[in-house]
Amino acid sequence: MRVVIAGLCFLVLFLSPVHLMYGESDSQDTWKELNRTSDQVLQLVKQEKLEEAKQLLDYFQTQFVKADYEDRKLSMTSLRTVTTSYERANQAVTATNMGLDERIRHVTEFRLVVDAIVSEHHPLWLHSETSIMHALTRMKEAIQAEDHQGFQHRLNEFLNHYQMIRPSLTITLEPAHLQQVESQVSYMENFRMERSADEVENHLNLMEETFTALFAQVKEDSADPSLLWVMFTIGGMIITSLSYAGWRKYKGEKSKVKVKE
């Protein structure tokens, strides 16, 4: 029995992503390197090491030109999104009169965009869910309390969060889904308090539903199928092992009964 279980475990490990990673192409390695570089740029900006961050951004640009765009199935819209985000990040590390928070926000946007291209499962921008949903909740609280100034402040906070992940959404979402989100955000931004409190609150409820569904759908779509396969395989092995052990125990007890008889 131990030999059988050991053999099955070896088979799972042999076919798992841990083993398959050794067969990755050079193109995949290039994209992973670009992803690591974007993360290093962000860490350097947080440490206010702007010159080093600029050097890494220059390196990123050189490597990005060499990357295989077809491997990631990048559309022209996605390429423009990456280019625009890169330019903002480059400006963030070279501007002389930009605050640290703004620098970090621009470079974080760039970091999330690169990750959205590279990460097939669970892109980093999904971690913004708490901030986005909390901002919507605080906007509703301000409306209900008739705190108009507070509402404007919370709305600006929400828009800052949204603008930081918007380029990543452009890469991840289908155009129709993105348009739905964009139209709801634009409505809130353009009209602000030109609508009644009830209308604004109803629209915020709609936005909550949309963003809740958005995060849930992307999480579901980005689940790693190979991980699920391993989980089901191991689960099946455990069930089989327990069933076999139970059967052996039953046979043993049955034999003891016969001996006593």
C-alpha atoms as a PDB file:
ATOM      1  CA  MET A   1       0.000   0.000   0.000  1.00  0.00           C
ATOM      2  CA  ARG A   2       2.801   2.445   0.860  1.00  0.00           C
ATOM      3  CA  VAL A   3       4.450   1.721  -2.474  1.00  0.00           C
ATOM      4  CA  VAL A   4       1.208   2.532  -4.333  1.00  0.00           C
ATOM      5  CA  ILE A   5       0.718   5.823  -2.474  1.00  0.00           C
ATOM      6  CA  ALA A   6       4.350   6.824  -2.995  1.00  0.00           C
ATOM      7  CA  GLY A   7       4.001   6.082  -6.689  1.00  0.00           C
ATOM      8  CA  LEU A   8       0.853   8.214  -6.993  1.00  0.00           C
ATOM      9  CA  CYS A   9       2.497  11.095  -5.110  1.00  0.00           C
ATOM     10  CA  PHE A  10       5.460  10.955  -7.455  1.00  0.00           C
ATOM     11  CA  LEU A  11       3.092  11.034 -10.431  1.00  0.00           C
ATOM     12  CA  VAL A  12       1.334  14.147  -9.097  1.00  0.00           C
ATOM     13  CA  LEU A  13       4.620  15.922  -8.479  1.00  0.00           C
ATOM     14  CA  PHE A  14       5.920  14.884 -11.889  1.00  0.00           C
ATOM     15  CA  LEU A  15       2.897  16.328 -13.689  1.00  0.00           C
ATOM     16  CA  SER A  16       2.421  19.383 -11.462  1.00  0.00           C
ATOM     17  CA  PRO A  17       3.320  23.000 -12.409  1.00  0.00           C
ATOM     18  CA  VAL A  18       6.467  22.690 -10.268  1.00  0.00           C
ATOM     19  CA  HIS A  19       7.823  20.178 -12.745  1.00  0.00           C
ATOM     20  CA  LEU A  20       6.405  21.840 -15.851  1.00  0.00           C
ATOM     21  CA  MET A  21       8.084  25.163 -15.107  1.00  0.00           C
ATOM     22  CA  TYR A  22      11.348  23.719 -16.421  1.00  0.00           C
ATOM     23  CA  GLY A  23       9.792  23.647 -19.871  1.00  0.00           C
ATOM     24  CA  GLU A  24       8.962  27.356 -19.996  1.00  0.00           C
ATOM     25  CA  SER A  25       9.958  29.187 -23.149  1.00  0.00           C
ATOM     26  CA  ASP A  26      12.427  32.051 -23.384  1.00  0.00           C
ATOM     27  CA  SER A  27       9.488  34.352 -24.106  1.00  0.00           C
ATOM     28  CA  GLN A  28       7.836  33.502 -20.809  1.00  0.00           C
ATOM     29  CA  ASP A  29      11.127  34.095 -19.006  1.00  0.00           C
ATOM     30  CA  THR A  30      11.384  37.511 -20.644  1.00  0.00           C
ATOM     31  CA  TRP A  31       7.921  38.522 -19.489  1.00  0.00           C
ATOM     32  CA  LYS A  32       8.593  37.295 -15.971  1.00  0.00           C
ATOM     33  CA  GLU A  33      11.797  39.337 -15.926  1.00  0.00           C
ATOM     34  CA  LEU A  34       9.833  42.409 -17.018  1.00  0.00           C
ATOM     35  CA  ASN A  35       7.369  41.786 -14.217  1.00  0.00           C
ATOM     36  CA  ARG A  36      10.177  41.522 -11.647  1.00  0.00           C
ATOM     37  CA  THR A  37      11.756  44.691 -13.000  1.00  0.00           C
ATOM     38  CA  SER A  38       8.533  46.670 -12.624  1.00  0.00           C
ATOM     39  CA  ASP A  39       8.297  45.508  -9.013  1.00  0.00           C
ATOM     40  CA  GLN A  40      11.902  46.545  -8.341  1.00  0.00           C
ATOM     41  CA  VAL A  41      11.172  49.996  -9.788  1.00  0.00           C
ATOM     42  CA  LEU A  42       8.246  50.416  -7.393  1.00  0.00           C
ATOM     43  CA  GLN A  43      10.324  49.338  -4.379  1.00  0.00           C
ATOM     44  CA  LEU A  44      13.084  51.797  -5.299  1.00  0.00           C
ATOM     45  CA  VAL A  45      10.608  54.673  -5.645  1.00  0.00           C
ATOM     46  CA  LYS A  46       9.168  53.867  -2.210  1.00  0.00           C
ATOM     47  CA  GLN A  47      12.731  54.142  -0.882  1.00  0.00           C
ATOM     48  CA  GLU A  48      13.111  57.425  -2.825  1.00  0.00           C
ATOM     49  CA  LYS A  49      15.998  55.981  -4.861  1.00  0.00           C
ATOM     50  CA  LEU A  50      14.820  57.745  -7.998  1.00  0.00           C
ATOM     51  CA  GLU A  51      18.041  57.554 -10.002  1.00  0.00           C
ATOM     52  CA  GLU A  52      18.231  53.781  -9.612  1.00  0.00           C
ATOM     53  CA  ALA A  53      14.534  53.517 -10.471  1.00  0.00           C
ATOM     54  CA  LYS A  54      15.161  55.519 -13.651  1.00  0.00           C
ATOM     55  CA  GLN A  55      17.967  53.156 -14.673  1.00  0.00           C
ATOM     56  CA  LEU A  56      15.698  50.152 -14.212  1.00  0.00           C
ATOM     57  CA  LEU A  57      12.942  51.836 -16.235  1.00  0.00           C
ATOM     58  CA  ASP A  58      15.439  52.346 -19.068  1.00  0.00           C
ATOM     59  CA  TYR A  59      16.354  48.661 -18.821  1.00  0.00           C
ATOM     60  CA  PHE A  60      12.652  47.751 -18.891  1.00  0.00           C
ATOM     61  CA  GLN A  61      12.145  49.750 -22.070  1.00  0.00           C
ATOM     62  CA  THR A  62      15.049  47.961 -23.774  1.00  0.00           C
ATOM     63  CA  GLN A  63      13.749  44.521 -22.807  1.00  0.00           C
ATOM     64  CA  PHE A  64      10.114  45.347 -23.591  1.00  0.00           C
ATOM     65  CA  VAL A  65      10.982  46.142 -27.188  1.00  0.00           C
ATOM     66  CA  LYS A  66      12.494  42.656 -27.520  1.00  0.00           C
ATOM     67  CA  ALA A  67       9.515  40.856 -25.956  1.00  0.00           C
ATOM     68  CA  ASP A  68       7.201  38.589 -27.954  1.00  0.00           C
ATOM     69  CA  TYR A  69       3.858  40.410 -27.971  1.00  0.00           C
ATOM     70  CA  GLU A  70       2.073  37.552 -29.700  1.00  0.00           C
ATOM     71  CA  ASP A  71       2.957  35.263 -26.796  1.00  0.00           C
ATOM     72  CA  ARG A  72       0.797  37.450 -24.525  1.00  0.00           C
ATOM     73  CA  LYS A  73      -1.770  38.059 -27.287  1.00  0.00           C
ATOM     74  CA  LEU A  74      -1.477  41.802 -26.743  1.00  0.00           C
ATOM     75  CA  SER A  75      -3.822  44.053 -28.693  1.00  0.00           C
ATOM     76  CA  MET A  76      -2.838  47.509 -29.902  1.00  0.00           C
ATOM     77  CA  THR A  77      -4.962  48.955 -27.091  1.00  0.00           C
ATOM     78  CA  SER A  78      -3.005  46.966 -24.521  1.00  0.00           C
ATOM     79  CA  LEU A  79       0.308  48.067 -26.017  1.00  0.00           C
ATOM     80  CA  ARG A  80      -0.783  51.700 -25.894  1.00  0.00           C
ATOM     81  CA  THR A  81      -1.867  51.210 -22.285  1.00  0.00           C
ATOM     82  CA  VAL A  82       1.547  49.835 -21.304  1.00  0.00           C
ATOM     83  CA  THR A  83       3.346  52.613 -23.172  1.00  0.00           C
ATOM     84  CA  THR A  84       1.252  55.364 -21.576  1.00  0.00           C
ATOM     85  CA  SER A  85       1.663  53.845 -18.112  1.00  0.00           C
ATOM     86  CA  TYR A  86       5.426  53.549 -18.660  1.00  0.00           C
ATOM     87  CA  GLU A  87       5.632  57.231 -19.641  1.00  0.00           C
ATOM     88  CA  ARG A  88       3.788  58.251 -16.469  1.00  0.00           C
ATOM     89  CA  ALA A  89       6.119  56.115 -14.367  1.00  0.00           C
ATOM     90  CA  ASN A  90       9.125  57.622 -16.126  1.00  0.00           C
ATOM     91  CA  GLN A  91       7.817  61.105 -15.419  1.00  0.00           C
ATOM     92  CA  ALA A  92       7.228  60.153 -11.792  1.00  0.00           C
ATOM     93  CA  VAL A  93      10.901  59.300 -11.248  1.00  0.00           C
ATOM     94  CA  THR A  94      12.281  62.307 -13.159  1.00  0.00           C
ATOM     95  CA  ALA A  95       9.952  65.155 -12.092  1.00  0.00           C
ATOM     96  CA  THR A  96      11.527  67.554  -9.613  1.00  0.00           C
ATOM     97  CA  ASN A  97       8.347  68.931  -8.075  1.00  0.00           C
ATOM     98  CA  MET A  98       6.212  65.812  -7.568  1.00  0.00           C
ATOM     99  CA  GLY A  99       5.309  64.553  -4.099  1.00  0.00           C
ATOM    100  CA  LEU A 100       6.300  61.052  -3.018  1.00  0.00           C
ATOM    101  CA  ASP A 101       2.688  59.834  -2.772  1.00  0.00           C
ATOM    102  CA  GLU A 102       1.988  60.869  -6.348  1.00  0.00           C
ATOM    103  CA  ARG A 103       5.201  59.247  -7.561  1.00  0.00           C
ATOM    104  CA  ILE A 104       4.256  55.994  -5.855  1.00  0.00           C
ATOM    105  CA  ARG A 105       0.729  56.137  -7.288  1.00  0.00           C
ATOM    106  CA  HIS A 106       1.980  56.485 -10.879  1.00  0.00           C
ATOM    107  CA  VAL A 107       4.612  53.766 -10.518  1.00  0.00           C
ATOM    108  CA  THR A 108       2.107  51.469  -8.789  1.00  0.00           C
ATOM    109  CA  GLU A 109      -0.186  51.902 -11.790  1.00  0.00           C
ATOM    110  CA  PHE A 110       2.694  50.872 -14.047  1.00  0.00           C
ATOM    111  CA  ARG A 111       3.482  47.890 -11.812  1.00  0.00           C
ATOM    112  CA  LEU A 112      -0.118  46.678 -11.935  1.00  0.00           C
ATOM    113  CA  VAL A 113      -0.302  47.046 -15.717  1.00  0.00           C
ATOM    114  CA  VAL A 114       2.793  44.922 -16.304  1.00  0.00           C
ATOM    115  CA  ASP A 115       1.528  42.298 -13.874  1.00  0.00           C
ATOM    116  CA  ALA A 116      -1.883  42.259 -15.591  1.00  0.00           C
ATOM    117  CA  ILE A 117      -0.111  41.288 -18.820  1.00  0.00           C
ATOM    118  CA  VAL A 118       2.156  38.662 -17.289  1.00  0.00           C
ATOM    119  CA  SER A 119       0.037  37.039 -14.577  1.00  0.00           C
ATOM    120  CA  GLU A 120      -2.411  34.541 -16.016  1.00  0.00           C
ATOM    121  CA  HIS A 121      -3.842  33.827 -12.579  1.00  0.00           C
ATOM    122  CA  HIS A 122      -4.931  36.329  -9.922  1.00  0.00           C
ATOM    123  CA  PRO A 123      -3.446  39.652 -11.148  1.00  0.00           C
ATOM    124  CA  LEU A 124      -2.203  42.028  -8.474  1.00  0.00           C
ATOM    125  CA  TRP A 125      -4.845  44.667  -9.128  1.00  0.00           C
ATOM    126  CA  LEU A 126      -7.393  42.334  -7.487  1.00  0.00           C
ATOM    127  CA  HIS A 127      -5.829  43.320  -4.154  1.00  0.00           C
ATOM    128  CA  SER A 128      -7.431  46.751  -4.586  1.00  0.00           C
ATOM    129  CA  GLU A 129     -10.851  45.246  -3.831  1.00  0.00           C
ATOM    130  CA  THR A 130     -10.830  46.279  -0.162  1.00  0.00           C
ATOM    131  CA  SER A 131      -9.841  49.882  -0.963  1.00  0.00           C
ATOM    132  CA  ILE A 132     -12.399  50.245  -3.754  1.00  0.00           C
ATOM    133  CA  MET A 133     -15.311  48.735  -1.820  1.00  0.00           C
ATOM    134  CA  HIS A 134     -14.411  50.645   1.360  1.00  0.00           C
ATOM    135  CA  ALA A 135     -14.348  53.918  -0.593  1.00  0.00           C
ATOM    136  CA  LEU A 136     -17.823  53.222  -2.006  1.00  0.00           C
ATOM    137  CA  THR A 137     -19.153  52.433   1.478  1.00  0.00           C
ATOM    138  CA  ARG A 138     -17.744  55.673   2.913  1.00  0.00           C
ATOM    139  CA  MET A 139     -19.325  57.658   0.056  1.00  0.00           C
ATOM    140  CA  LYS A 140     -22.711  56.166   0.922  1.00  0.00           C
ATOM    141  CA  GLU A 141     -22.210  56.969   4.600  1.00  0.00           C
ATOM    142  CA  ALA A 142     -21.407  60.591   3.749  1.00  0.00           C
ATOM    143  CA  ILE A 143     -24.539  60.881   1.583  1.00  0.00           C
ATOM    144  CA  GLN A 144     -26.738  59.377   4.271  1.00  0.00           C
ATOM    145  CA  ALA A 145     -25.269  61.793   6.822  1.00  0.00           C
ATOM    146  CA  GLU A 146     -25.857  64.709   4.405  1.00  0.00           C
ATOM    147  CA  ASP A 147     -22.136  65.458   4.644  1.00  0.00           C
ATOM    148  CA  HIS A 148     -21.671  66.972   1.188  1.00  0.00           C
ATOM    149  CA  GLN A 149     -18.090  68.071   1.744  1.00  0.00           C
ATOM    150  CA  GLY A 150     -17.220  64.658   3.125  1.00  0.00           C
ATOM    151  CA  PHE A 151     -18.841  63.025   0.103  1.00  0.00           C
ATOM    152  CA  GLN A 152     -16.715  65.072  -2.289  1.00  0.00           C
ATOM    153  CA  HIS A 153     -13.599  64.066  -0.363  1.00  0.00           C
ATOM    154  CA  ARG A 154     -14.551  60.360  -0.386  1.00  0.00           C
ATOM    155  CA  LEU A 155     -15.387  60.537  -4.086  1.00  0.00           C
ATOM    156  CA  ASN A 156     -11.946  61.959  -4.846  1.00  0.00           C
ATOM    157  CA  GLU A 157     -10.391  59.130  -2.814  1.00  0.00           C
ATOM    158  CA  PHE A 158     -12.379  56.572  -4.817  1.00  0.00           C
ATOM    159  CA  LEU A 159     -11.354  58.154  -8.129  1.00  0.00           C
ATOM    160  CA  ASN A 160      -7.680  58.034  -7.102  1.00  0.00           C
ATOM    161  CA  HIS A 161      -8.002  54.314  -6.346  1.00  0.00           C
ATOM    162  CA  TYR A 162      -9.896  53.670  -9.559  1.00  0.00           C
ATOM    163  CA  GLN A 163      -7.518  55.624 -11.802  1.00  0.00           C
ATOM    164  CA  MET A 164      -4.637  53.557 -10.413  1.00  0.00           C
ATOM    165  CA  ILE A 165      -6.210  50.248 -11.493  1.00  0.00           C
ATOM    166  CA  ARG A 166      -8.035  51.488 -14.612  1.00  0.00           C
ATOM    167  CA  PRO A 167      -5.167  50.708 -17.039  1.00  0.00           C
ATOM    168  CA  SER A 168      -4.996  47.161 -15.648  1.00  0.00           C
ATOM    169  CA  LEU A 169      -8.743  46.783 -16.191  1.00  0.00           C
ATOM    170  CA  THR A 170      -8.210  47.813 -19.803  1.00  0.00           C
ATOM    171  CA  ILE A 171      -5.897  44.825 -20.207  1.00  0.00           C
ATOM    172  CA  THR A 172      -7.893  42.275 -18.194  1.00  0.00           C
ATOM    173  CA  LEU A 173     -11.551  42.996 -18.986  1.00  0.00           C
ATOM    174  CA  GLU A 174     -13.557  42.484 -22.138  1.00  0.00           C
ATOM    175  CA  PRO A 175     -14.377  45.860 -23.813  1.00  0.00           C
ATOM    176  CA  ALA A 176     -18.116  45.599 -23.068  1.00  0.00           C
ATOM    177  CA  HIS A 177     -17.482  44.881 -19.383  1.00  0.00           C
ATOM    178  CA  LEU A 178     -14.962  47.711 -19.133  1.00  0.00           C
ATOM    179  CA  GLN A 179     -17.425  50.101 -20.783  1.00  0.00           C
ATOM    180  CA  GLN A 180     -20.063  49.252 -18.176  1.00  0.00           C
ATOM    181  CA  VAL A 181     -17.669  50.064 -15.333  1.00  0.00           C
ATOM    182  CA  GLU A 182     -16.386  53.201 -17.041  1.00  0.00           C
ATOM    183  CA  SER A 183     -19.845  54.598 -17.680  1.00  0.00           C
ATOM    184  CA  GLN A 184     -20.875  54.183 -14.034  1.00  0.00           C
ATOM    185  CA  VAL A 185     -17.705  55.838 -12.737  1.00  0.00           C
ATOM    186  CA  SER A 186     -17.965  58.673 -15.284  1.00  0.00           C
ATOM    187  CA  TYR A 187     -21.583  59.326 -14.302  1.00  0.00           C
ATOM    188  CA  MET A 188     -20.597  59.692 -10.657  1.00  0.00           C
ATOM    189  CA  GLU A 189     -17.571  61.849 -11.444  1.00  0.00           C
ATOM    190  CA  ASN A 190     -19.345  64.208 -13.855  1.00  0.00           C
ATOM    191  CA  PHE A 191     -22.570  64.804 -11.964  1.00  0.00           C
ATOM    192  CA  ARG A 192     -21.340  64.526  -8.369  1.00  0.00           C
ATOM    193  CA  MET A 193     -23.941  66.446  -6.326  1.00  0.00           C
ATOM    194  CA  GLU A 194     -26.050  67.625  -9.298  1.00  0.00           C
ATOM    195  CA  ARG A 195     -28.401  64.731  -8.527  1.00  0.00           C
ATOM    196  CA  SER A 196     -30.541  64.230  -5.446  1.00  0.00           C
ATOM    197  CA  ALA A 197     -29.158  62.307  -2.484  1.00  0.00           C
ATOM    198  CA  ASP A 198     -31.487  59.394  -3.275  1.00  0.00           C
ATOM    199  CA  GLU A 199     -30.298  59.227  -6.891  1.00  0.00           C
ATOM    200  CA  VAL A 200     -26.657  59.319  -5.834  1.00  0.00           C
ATOM    201  CA  GLU A 201     -27.187  56.610  -3.229  1.00  0.00           C
ATOM    202  CA  ASN A 202     -29.018  54.406  -5.740  1.00  0.00           C
ATOM    203  CA  HIS A 203     -26.180  54.835  -8.196  1.00  0.00           C
ATOM    204  CA  LEU A 204     -23.646  53.958  -5.490  1.00  0.00           C
ATOM    205  CA  ASN A 205     -25.614  50.767  -4.769  1.00  0.00           C
ATOM    206  CA  LEU A 206     -25.409  49.932  -8.479  1.00  0.00           C
ATOM    207  CA  MET A 207     -21.649  50.565  -8.470  1.00  0.00           C
ATOM    208  CA  GLU A 208     -21.224  48.324  -5.431  1.00  0.00           C
ATOM    209  CA  GLU A 209     -23.028  45.519  -7.240  1.00  0.00           C
ATOM    210  CA  THR A 210     -20.950  46.052 -10.393  1.00  0.00           C
ATOM    211  CA  PHE A 211     -17.580  46.080  -8.622  1.00  0.00           C
ATOM    212  CA  THR A 212     -18.512  43.134  -6.399  1.00  0.00           C
ATOM    213  CA  ALA A 213     -19.421  41.119  -9.498  1.00  0.00           C
ATOM    214  CA  LEU A 214     -16.287  42.368 -11.286  1.00  0.00           C
ATOM    215  CA  PHE A 215     -13.864  41.190  -8.612  1.00  0.00           C
ATOM    216  CA  ALA A 216     -15.713  37.896  -8.175  1.00  0.00           C
ATOM    217  CA  GLN A 217     -15.732  37.173 -11.912  1.00  0.00           C
ATOM    218  CA  VAL A 218     -12.031  37.933 -12.426  1.00  0.00           C
ATOM    219  CA  LYS A 219     -11.114  35.780  -9.430  1.00  0.00           C
ATOM    220  CA  GLU A 220     -13.131  32.917 -10.902  1.00  0.00           C
ATOM    221  CA  ASP A 221     -11.702  33.376 -14.404  1.00  0.00           C
ATOM    222  CA  SER A 222      -8.123  33.634 -13.125  1.00  0.00           C
ATOM    223  CA  ALA A 223      -8.207  30.470 -11.017  1.00  0.00           C
ATOM    224  CA  ASP A 224      -5.271  28.207 -11.951  1.00  0.00           C
ATOM    225  CA  PRO A 225      -6.755  25.075 -13.584  1.00  0.00           C
ATOM    226  CA  SER A 226      -3.555  23.117 -13.004  1.00  0.00           C
ATOM    227  CA  LEU A 227      -3.793  23.848  -9.272  1.00  0.00           C
ATOM    228  CA  LEU A 228      -7.390  22.639  -9.260  1.00  0.00           C
ATOM    229  CA  TRP A 229      -6.277  19.469 -11.065  1.00  0.00           C
ATOM    230  CA  VAL A 230      -3.629  18.807  -8.399  1.00  0.00           C
ATOM    231  CA  MET A 231      -6.158  19.453  -5.616  1.00  0.00           C
ATOM    232  CA  PHE A 232      -8.691  17.037  -7.132  1.00  0.00           C
ATOM    233  CA  THR A 233      -5.986  14.435  -7.783  1.00  0.00           C
ATOM    234  CA  ILE A 234      -4.618  14.577  -4.253  1.00  0.00           C
ATOM    235  CA  GLY A 235      -8.146  14.606  -2.873  1.00  0.00           C
ATOM    236  CA  GLY A 236      -8.944  11.511  -4.916  1.00  0.00           C
ATOM    237  CA  MET A 237      -5.786   9.812  -3.657  1.00  0.00           C
ATOM    238  CA  ILE A 238      -6.699  10.551  -0.050  1.00  0.00           C
ATOM    239  CA  ILE A 239     -10.242   9.251  -0.502  1.00  0.00           C
ATOM    240  CA  THR A 240      -8.937   6.121  -2.225  1.00  0.00           C
ATOM    241  CA  SER A 241      -6.375   5.530   0.515  1.00  0.00           C
ATOM    242  CA  LEU A 242      -8.938   5.962   3.274  1.00  0.00           C
ATOM    243  CA  SER A 243     -11.408   3.705   1.479  1.00  0.00           C
ATOM    244  CA  TYR A 244      -8.739   1.041   1.033  1.00  0.00           C
ATOM    245  CA  ALA A 245      -7.699   1.299   4.689  1.00  0.00           C
ATOM    246  CA  GLY A 246     -11.321   1.019   5.769  1.00  0.00           C
ATOM    247  CA  TRP A 247     -11.834  -2.013   3.550  1.00  0.00           C
ATOM    248  CA  ARG A 248      -8.694  -3.693   4.975  1.00  0.00           C
ATOM    249  CA  LYS A 249      -9.887  -2.984   8.505  1.00  0.00           C
ATOM    250  CA  TYR A 250     -13.305  -4.405   7.696  1.00  0.00           C
ATOM    251  CA  LYS A 251     -11.791  -7.566   6.182  1.00  0.00           C
ATOM    252  CA  GLY A 252      -9.494  -7.964   9.199  1.00  0.00           C
ATOM    253  CA  GLU A 253     -12.341  -7.648  11.685  1.00  0.00           C
ATOM    254  CA  LYS A 254     -14.469 -10.055   9.632  1.00  0.00           C
ATOM    255  CA  SER A 255     -11.641 -12.611   9.671  1.00  0.00           C
ATOM    256  CA  LYS A 256     -11.334 -12.298  13.455  1.00  0.00           C
ATOM    257  CA  VAL A 257     -15.062 -12.983  13.817  1.00  0.00           C
ATOM    258  CA  LYS A 258     -14.730 -16.129  11.688  1.00  0.00           C
ATOM    259  CA  VAL A 259     -11.783 -17.346  13.771  1.00  0.00           C
ATOM    260  CA  LYS A 260     -13.745 -16.883  16.996  1.00  0.00           C
ATOM    261  CA  GLU A 261     -16.676 -18.785  15.489  1.00  0.00           C
END
